[in-house]
């Protein structure tokens, strides 16, 4: 996915043709080295992330549609903000809140995406989402 994203950005002229994709961080496990079960779980994480973005897109569209219907769109500045880079943290499995989250949430495959779960998409997807840059949020360079 990281390579495909990079190639698409180059084809669209967003990334210079001579820009090289930085090497993968050495602690990121390549997709083809994950077990089938790990791939299944990681795919589900991305499905949930994609659904969240689709939902966000729908509601931004609703807001813009409302502003247009009310004749306010041309006189409105819409600012979409995000913090720095794709988040690699997996608080359910690591970090200061892991124990509490595991006690109160259930991240088994069957419950992922329900109110009973607390799913982060993790470092593999964060690095893929940061292409064409190296790293992800928490790093003081490029993808961070």
N, C-alpha and C. Protein backbone atom coordinates (compact mmCIF):
# COMPACT_ATOMS: atom_id res chain seq x y z
N UNK A 1 0.83 -1.19 0.00
CA UNK A 1 0.00 0.00 0.00
C UNK A 1 0.88 1.25 0.00
N UNK A 2 1.92 1.22 0.79
CA UNK A 2 2.82 2.38 0.88
C UNK A 2 3.40 2.72 -0.49
N UNK A 3 3.85 1.69 -1.19
CA UNK A 3 4.44 1.88 -2.51
C UNK A 3 3.40 2.37 -3.51
N UNK A 4 2.19 1.80 -3.46
CA UNK A 4 1.12 2.23 -4.36
C UNK A 4 0.74 3.68 -4.11
N UNK A 5 0.66 4.04 -2.86
CA UNK A 5 0.33 5.43 -2.51
C UNK A 5 1.40 6.37 -3.06
N UNK A 6 2.66 6.00 -2.89
CA UNK A 6 3.77 6.81 -3.37
C UNK A 6 3.70 6.97 -4.89
N UNK A 7 3.48 5.87 -5.60
CA UNK A 7 3.40 5.91 -7.06
C UNK A 7 2.23 6.77 -7.53
N UNK A 8 1.10 6.69 -6.83
CA UNK A 8 -0.07 7.51 -7.19
C UNK A 8 0.22 8.99 -7.00
N UNK A 9 0.92 9.32 -5.93
CA UNK A 9 1.27 10.72 -5.68
C UNK A 9 2.22 11.24 -6.74
N UNK A 10 3.15 10.40 -7.18
CA UNK A 10 4.06 10.81 -8.26
C UNK A 10 3.28 10.99 -9.56
N UNK A 11 2.39 10.04 -9.87
CA UNK A 11 1.62 10.11 -11.11
C UNK A 11 0.73 11.35 -11.15
N UNK A 12 0.25 11.78 -9.99
CA UNK A 12 -0.60 12.97 -9.91
C UNK A 12 0.21 14.26 -9.91
N UNK A 13 1.53 14.14 -9.88
CA UNK A 13 2.38 15.32 -9.88
C UNK A 13 2.51 15.99 -8.52
N UNK A 14 2.06 15.32 -7.48
CA UNK A 14 2.15 15.87 -6.12
C UNK A 14 3.55 15.67 -5.56
N UNK A 15 4.17 14.57 -5.94
CA UNK A 15 5.54 14.25 -5.53
C UNK A 15 6.41 14.28 -6.77
N UNK A 16 7.56 14.90 -6.66
CA UNK A 16 8.48 15.01 -7.80
C UNK A 16 8.89 13.64 -8.32
N UNK A 17 9.04 13.50 -9.64
CA UNK A 17 9.41 12.21 -10.23
C UNK A 17 10.73 11.65 -9.71
N UNK A 18 11.64 12.54 -9.30
CA UNK A 18 12.95 12.07 -8.82
C UNK A 18 12.98 11.82 -7.31
N UNK A 19 11.86 12.07 -6.62
CA UNK A 19 11.81 11.81 -5.18
C UNK A 19 11.79 10.30 -4.94
N UNK A 20 12.59 9.83 -4.00
CA UNK A 20 12.64 8.40 -3.70
C UNK A 20 11.85 8.12 -2.43
N UNK A 21 11.16 6.98 -2.44
CA UNK A 21 10.43 6.55 -1.25
C UNK A 21 11.44 6.14 -0.19
N UNK A 22 11.38 6.75 1.00
CA UNK A 22 12.33 6.38 2.05
C UNK A 22 12.14 4.91 2.44
N UNK A 23 13.19 4.28 2.95
CA UNK A 23 13.04 2.89 3.37
C UNK A 23 12.05 2.77 4.53
N UNK A 24 11.43 1.62 4.61
CA UNK A 24 10.49 1.33 5.69
C UNK A 24 11.27 1.35 7.01
N UNK A 25 10.63 1.82 8.07
CA UNK A 25 11.24 1.76 9.39
C UNK A 25 11.53 0.30 9.72
N UNK A 26 12.69 0.02 10.26
CA UNK A 26 13.11 -1.38 10.43
C UNK A 26 12.27 -2.17 11.42
N UNK A 27 11.52 -1.50 12.26
CA UNK A 27 10.69 -2.23 13.23
C UNK A 27 9.25 -2.43 12.76
N UNK A 28 8.96 -2.02 11.54
CA UNK A 28 7.63 -2.25 10.95
C UNK A 28 7.66 -3.59 10.22
N UNK A 29 6.76 -4.48 10.57
CA UNK A 29 6.70 -5.79 9.93
C UNK A 29 6.00 -5.67 8.58
N UNK A 30 6.66 -6.09 7.51
CA UNK A 30 6.01 -6.06 6.19
C UNK A 30 4.75 -6.93 6.16
N UNK A 31 3.78 -6.52 5.36
CA UNK A 31 2.50 -7.24 5.26
C UNK A 31 2.70 -8.72 4.98
N UNK A 32 3.57 -9.06 4.05
CA UNK A 32 3.73 -10.46 3.66
C UNK A 32 4.44 -11.30 4.73
N UNK A 33 4.90 -10.68 5.80
CA UNK A 33 5.50 -11.41 6.91
C UNK A 33 4.53 -11.57 8.08
N UNK A 34 3.35 -10.97 7.98
CA UNK A 34 2.33 -11.15 9.00
C UNK A 34 1.63 -12.48 8.79
N UNK A 35 1.17 -13.09 9.87
CA UNK A 35 0.37 -14.31 9.74
C UNK A 35 -0.97 -13.95 9.10
N UNK A 36 -1.70 -14.95 8.64
CA UNK A 36 -3.02 -14.69 8.06
C UNK A 36 -3.95 -14.03 9.08
N UNK A 37 -3.87 -14.46 10.33
CA UNK A 37 -4.71 -13.85 11.36
C UNK A 37 -4.30 -12.40 11.61
N UNK A 38 -3.01 -12.12 11.63
CA UNK A 38 -2.55 -10.74 11.80
C UNK A 38 -3.00 -9.88 10.62
N UNK A 39 -2.94 -10.42 9.41
CA UNK A 39 -3.41 -9.68 8.24
C UNK A 39 -4.91 -9.40 8.34
N UNK A 40 -5.65 -10.37 8.82
CA UNK A 40 -7.10 -10.21 8.98
C UNK A 40 -7.42 -9.07 9.95
N UNK A 41 -6.71 -9.05 11.08
CA UNK A 41 -6.93 -8.00 12.08
C UNK A 41 -6.50 -6.64 11.53
N UNK A 42 -5.34 -6.60 10.88
CA UNK A 42 -4.86 -5.33 10.32
C UNK A 42 -5.80 -4.82 9.23
N UNK A 43 -6.32 -5.72 8.40
CA UNK A 43 -7.28 -5.31 7.37
C UNK A 43 -8.54 -4.73 8.01
N UNK A 44 -8.98 -5.33 9.10
CA UNK A 44 -10.17 -4.82 9.80
C UNK A 44 -9.91 -3.41 10.34
N UNK A 45 -8.71 -3.19 10.88
CA UNK A 45 -8.36 -1.85 11.38
C UNK A 45 -8.50 -0.82 10.26
N UNK A 46 -8.01 -1.16 9.07
CA UNK A 46 -8.09 -0.21 7.96
C UNK A 46 -9.53 -0.05 7.49
N UNK A 47 -10.32 -1.12 7.52
CA UNK A 47 -11.74 -1.01 7.17
C UNK A 47 -12.43 -0.01 8.10
N UNK A 48 -12.13 -0.09 9.38
CA UNK A 48 -12.74 0.82 10.35
C UNK A 48 -12.28 2.25 10.12
N UNK A 49 -11.01 2.42 9.83
CA UNK A 49 -10.47 3.76 9.56
C UNK A 49 -11.13 4.34 8.30
N UNK A 50 -11.24 3.52 7.26
CA UNK A 50 -11.86 3.98 6.01
C UNK A 50 -13.33 4.35 6.24
N UNK A 51 -14.03 3.58 7.06
CA UNK A 51 -15.43 3.89 7.36
C UNK A 51 -15.54 5.21 8.12
N UNK A 52 -14.59 5.45 9.03
CA UNK A 52 -14.58 6.71 9.77
C UNK A 52 -14.38 7.89 8.82
N UNK A 53 -13.45 7.74 7.87
CA UNK A 53 -13.22 8.82 6.90
C UNK A 53 -14.43 9.02 6.01
N UNK A 54 -15.09 7.94 5.62
CA UNK A 54 -16.29 8.05 4.80
C UNK A 54 -17.38 8.80 5.56
N UNK A 55 -17.52 8.49 6.84
CA UNK A 55 -18.50 9.18 7.68
C UNK A 55 -18.16 10.66 7.80
N UNK A 56 -16.88 10.96 8.02
CA UNK A 56 -16.43 12.35 8.09
C UNK A 56 -16.76 13.08 6.79
N UNK A 57 -16.46 12.44 5.66
CA UNK A 57 -16.72 13.04 4.35
C UNK A 57 -18.22 13.33 4.17
N UNK A 58 -19.06 12.38 4.57
CA UNK A 58 -20.51 12.58 4.46
C UNK A 58 -20.95 13.82 5.25
N UNK A 59 -20.45 13.96 6.46
CA UNK A 59 -20.90 15.06 7.30
C UNK A 59 -20.32 16.41 6.88
N UNK A 60 -19.09 16.41 6.37
CA UNK A 60 -18.56 17.66 5.81
C UNK A 60 -19.41 18.05 4.60
N UNK A 61 -19.79 17.07 3.79
CA UNK A 61 -20.67 17.33 2.65
C UNK A 61 -22.01 17.88 3.08
N UNK A 62 -22.57 17.35 4.15
CA UNK A 62 -23.85 17.87 4.68
C UNK A 62 -23.70 19.32 5.11
N UNK A 63 -22.60 19.62 5.80
CA UNK A 63 -22.37 20.99 6.26
C UNK A 63 -22.25 21.94 5.07
N UNK A 64 -21.45 21.55 4.08
CA UNK A 64 -21.28 22.41 2.91
C UNK A 64 -22.59 22.56 2.15
N UNK A 65 -23.36 21.48 2.06
CA UNK A 65 -24.67 21.55 1.41
C UNK A 65 -25.61 22.51 2.12
N UNK A 66 -25.61 22.46 3.44
CA UNK A 66 -26.44 23.37 4.22
C UNK A 66 -26.02 24.82 3.99
N UNK A 67 -24.71 25.06 4.05
CA UNK A 67 -24.22 26.43 3.83
C UNK A 67 -24.61 26.93 2.44
N UNK A 68 -24.55 26.06 1.45
CA UNK A 68 -24.93 26.45 0.09
C UNK A 68 -26.43 26.74 0.01
N UNK A 69 -27.25 25.87 0.59
CA UNK A 69 -28.71 26.07 0.58
C UNK A 69 -29.10 27.39 1.25
N UNK A 70 -28.40 27.75 2.29
CA UNK A 70 -28.71 28.97 3.03
C UNK A 70 -28.05 30.21 2.43
N UNK A 71 -27.31 30.02 1.33
CA UNK A 71 -26.65 31.14 0.68
C UNK A 71 -25.45 31.67 1.46
N UNK A 72 -24.87 30.85 2.30
CA UNK A 72 -23.76 31.30 3.13
C UNK A 72 -22.41 30.71 2.71
N UNK A 73 -22.41 29.82 1.75
CA UNK A 73 -21.17 29.12 1.39
C UNK A 73 -20.10 30.07 0.87
N UNK A 74 -20.50 31.00 0.01
CA UNK A 74 -19.52 31.92 -0.60
C UNK A 74 -18.91 32.89 0.41
N UNK A 75 -19.54 33.03 1.56
CA UNK A 75 -19.04 33.96 2.57
C UNK A 75 -18.55 33.21 3.81
N UNK A 76 -18.16 31.95 3.62
CA UNK A 76 -17.73 31.11 4.74
C UNK A 76 -16.35 30.55 4.46
N UNK A 77 -15.50 30.63 5.44
CA UNK A 77 -14.18 30.01 5.37
C UNK A 77 -14.25 28.71 6.17
N UNK A 78 -14.01 27.60 5.50
CA UNK A 78 -14.01 26.30 6.17
C UNK A 78 -12.56 25.90 6.39
N UNK A 79 -12.22 25.64 7.63
CA UNK A 79 -10.85 25.25 7.98
C UNK A 79 -10.90 23.83 8.52
N UNK A 80 -10.20 22.94 7.86
CA UNK A 80 -10.10 21.56 8.33
C UNK A 80 -8.72 21.40 8.95
N UNK A 81 -8.68 21.01 10.20
CA UNK A 81 -7.40 20.93 10.90
C UNK A 81 -7.15 19.51 11.40
N UNK A 82 -5.89 19.20 11.47
CA UNK A 82 -5.46 17.92 12.00
C UNK A 82 -4.13 18.14 12.70
N UNK A 83 -3.80 17.26 13.61
CA UNK A 83 -2.48 17.42 14.23
C UNK A 83 -1.42 16.78 13.33
N UNK A 84 -0.23 16.69 13.81
CA UNK A 84 0.91 16.34 12.96
C UNK A 84 1.04 14.85 12.68
N UNK A 85 0.75 14.45 11.47
CA UNK A 85 1.06 13.11 11.00
C UNK A 85 0.10 12.02 11.43
N UNK A 86 0.29 10.87 10.81
CA UNK A 86 -0.52 9.68 11.10
C UNK A 86 -0.11 9.11 12.45
N UNK A 87 -1.09 8.80 13.29
CA UNK A 87 -0.82 8.30 14.64
C UNK A 87 -0.51 6.81 14.63
N UNK A 88 0.65 6.45 15.16
CA UNK A 88 1.06 5.04 15.20
C UNK A 88 0.75 4.38 16.54
N UNK A 89 0.33 5.16 17.51
CA UNK A 89 0.12 4.61 18.84
C UNK A 89 -0.99 3.56 18.83
N UNK A 90 -0.78 2.51 19.57
CA UNK A 90 -1.80 1.49 19.79
C UNK A 90 -2.01 1.43 21.29
N UNK A 91 -2.82 2.34 21.80
CA UNK A 91 -2.98 2.47 23.24
C UNK A 91 -3.57 1.23 23.89
N UNK A 92 -4.29 0.42 23.13
CA UNK A 92 -4.89 -0.79 23.69
C UNK A 92 -3.82 -1.80 24.08
N UNK A 93 -2.73 -1.83 23.34
CA UNK A 93 -1.68 -2.83 23.57
C UNK A 93 -0.41 -2.27 24.19
N UNK A 94 -0.28 -0.97 24.27
CA UNK A 94 0.93 -0.37 24.83
C UNK A 94 0.61 1.03 25.34
N UNK A 95 1.46 1.53 26.16
CA UNK A 95 1.28 2.89 26.64
C UNK A 95 0.67 2.94 28.02
N UNK A 96 0.51 4.14 28.53
CA UNK A 96 0.10 4.31 29.92
C UNK A 96 -1.34 3.88 30.22
N UNK A 97 -2.18 3.77 29.20
CA UNK A 97 -3.59 3.44 29.44
C UNK A 97 -3.94 2.01 29.05
N UNK A 98 -2.96 1.22 28.63
CA UNK A 98 -3.24 -0.12 28.09
C UNK A 98 -4.01 -0.99 29.07
N UNK A 99 -3.57 -1.04 30.30
CA UNK A 99 -4.23 -1.91 31.28
C UNK A 99 -5.69 -1.49 31.48
N UNK A 100 -5.92 -0.20 31.64
CA UNK A 100 -7.28 0.30 31.83
C UNK A 100 -8.14 0.01 30.61
N UNK A 101 -7.60 0.27 29.41
CA UNK A 101 -8.36 0.03 28.18
C UNK A 101 -8.72 -1.44 28.03
N UNK A 102 -7.79 -2.33 28.33
CA UNK A 102 -8.08 -3.76 28.20
C UNK A 102 -9.13 -4.21 29.20
N UNK A 103 -9.18 -3.55 30.36
CA UNK A 103 -10.22 -3.89 31.34
C UNK A 103 -11.60 -3.42 30.90
N UNK A 104 -11.67 -2.31 30.18
CA UNK A 104 -12.95 -1.69 29.86
C UNK A 104 -13.42 -1.86 28.42
N UNK A 105 -12.53 -2.33 27.55
CA UNK A 105 -12.88 -2.49 26.14
C UNK A 105 -12.47 -3.87 25.66
N UNK A 106 -13.07 -4.30 24.57
CA UNK A 106 -12.84 -5.63 24.02
C UNK A 106 -12.46 -5.49 22.55
N UNK A 107 -11.20 -5.73 22.23
CA UNK A 107 -10.73 -5.57 20.86
C UNK A 107 -10.62 -6.89 20.10
N UNK A 108 -11.37 -7.89 20.53
CA UNK A 108 -11.40 -9.11 19.72
C UNK A 108 -11.95 -8.77 18.35
N UNK A 109 -11.57 -9.53 17.35
CA UNK A 109 -11.98 -9.27 15.97
C UNK A 109 -13.49 -9.06 15.88
N UNK A 110 -14.23 -9.91 16.57
CA UNK A 110 -15.70 -9.89 16.48
C UNK A 110 -16.30 -8.59 17.00
N UNK A 111 -15.62 -7.90 17.90
CA UNK A 111 -16.19 -6.67 18.47
C UNK A 111 -15.53 -5.40 17.93
N UNK A 112 -14.49 -5.55 17.11
CA UNK A 112 -13.81 -4.37 16.57
C UNK A 112 -14.82 -3.50 15.81
N UNK A 113 -14.82 -2.21 16.12
CA UNK A 113 -15.73 -1.28 15.45
C UNK A 113 -17.02 -1.05 16.19
N UNK A 114 -17.25 -1.78 17.26
CA UNK A 114 -18.45 -1.57 18.06
C UNK A 114 -18.10 -0.62 19.21
N UNK A 115 -19.11 -0.09 19.91
CA UNK A 115 -18.81 0.76 21.07
C UNK A 115 -18.02 0.04 22.16
N UNK A 116 -17.99 -1.28 22.13
CA UNK A 116 -17.25 -2.05 23.13
C UNK A 116 -15.75 -2.10 22.85
N UNK A 117 -15.32 -1.59 21.68
CA UNK A 117 -13.91 -1.68 21.30
C UNK A 117 -13.22 -0.32 21.35
N UNK A 118 -11.89 -0.37 21.36
CA UNK A 118 -11.07 0.85 21.34
C UNK A 118 -9.91 0.55 20.39
N UNK A 119 -10.12 0.77 19.11
CA UNK A 119 -9.18 0.33 18.08
C UNK A 119 -8.40 1.52 17.53
N UNK A 120 -7.08 1.38 17.49
CA UNK A 120 -6.20 2.32 16.81
C UNK A 120 -5.65 1.59 15.60
N UNK A 121 -5.29 2.33 14.55
CA UNK A 121 -4.82 1.58 13.39
C UNK A 121 -3.36 1.22 13.42
N UNK A 122 -2.59 1.73 14.35
CA UNK A 122 -1.26 1.23 14.63
C UNK A 122 -0.15 1.68 13.70
N UNK A 123 1.09 1.26 14.01
CA UNK A 123 2.26 1.77 13.30
C UNK A 123 2.37 1.35 11.84
N UNK A 124 1.91 0.15 11.50
CA UNK A 124 2.02 -0.28 10.09
C UNK A 124 1.21 0.63 9.18
N UNK A 125 -0.05 0.88 9.57
CA UNK A 125 -0.91 1.74 8.76
C UNK A 125 -0.46 3.19 8.84
N UNK A 126 0.07 3.62 9.98
CA UNK A 126 0.55 5.00 10.09
C UNK A 126 1.69 5.24 9.12
N UNK A 127 2.59 4.28 9.02
CA UNK A 127 3.70 4.46 8.08
C UNK A 127 3.20 4.45 6.64
N UNK A 128 2.28 3.56 6.33
CA UNK A 128 1.72 3.52 4.97
C UNK A 128 1.01 4.84 4.66
N UNK A 129 0.29 5.37 5.63
CA UNK A 129 -0.43 6.62 5.43
C UNK A 129 0.45 7.85 5.36
N UNK A 130 1.69 7.73 5.78
CA UNK A 130 2.61 8.87 5.76
C UNK A 130 3.40 8.97 4.46
N UNK A 131 3.29 7.97 3.60
CA UNK A 131 4.03 8.03 2.33
C UNK A 131 3.60 9.31 1.60
N UNK A 132 4.51 10.05 1.05
CA UNK A 132 5.86 9.70 0.61
C UNK A 132 6.94 10.00 1.64
N UNK A 133 6.56 10.21 2.88
CA UNK A 133 7.54 10.60 3.88
C UNK A 133 7.98 9.40 4.72
N UNK A 134 9.00 9.63 5.51
CA UNK A 134 9.54 8.61 6.40
C UNK A 134 8.93 8.83 7.78
N UNK A 135 8.56 7.76 8.43
CA UNK A 135 8.07 7.85 9.80
C UNK A 135 6.59 8.19 9.89
N UNK A 136 6.20 8.68 11.04
CA UNK A 136 4.81 8.99 11.34
C UNK A 136 4.79 9.94 12.52
N UNK A 137 3.61 10.23 13.03
CA UNK A 137 3.49 11.12 14.18
C UNK A 137 4.44 10.64 15.29
N UNK A 138 4.94 11.56 16.06
CA UNK A 138 5.91 11.34 17.15
C UNK A 138 7.34 11.53 16.70
N UNK A 139 7.58 11.55 15.40
CA UNK A 139 8.92 11.79 14.88
C UNK A 139 9.01 13.26 14.48
N UNK A 140 10.16 13.85 14.69
CA UNK A 140 10.34 15.27 14.38
C UNK A 140 10.86 15.47 12.96
N UNK A 141 10.43 14.66 12.04
CA UNK A 141 10.84 14.81 10.65
C UNK A 141 9.75 14.28 9.73
N UNK A 142 9.75 14.72 8.53
CA UNK A 142 8.91 14.26 7.43
C UNK A 142 7.51 13.84 7.83
N UNK A 143 7.23 12.53 8.02
CA UNK A 143 5.88 12.05 8.27
C UNK A 143 5.32 12.42 9.62
N UNK A 144 6.13 12.99 10.50
CA UNK A 144 5.67 13.39 11.82
C UNK A 144 5.26 14.81 11.83
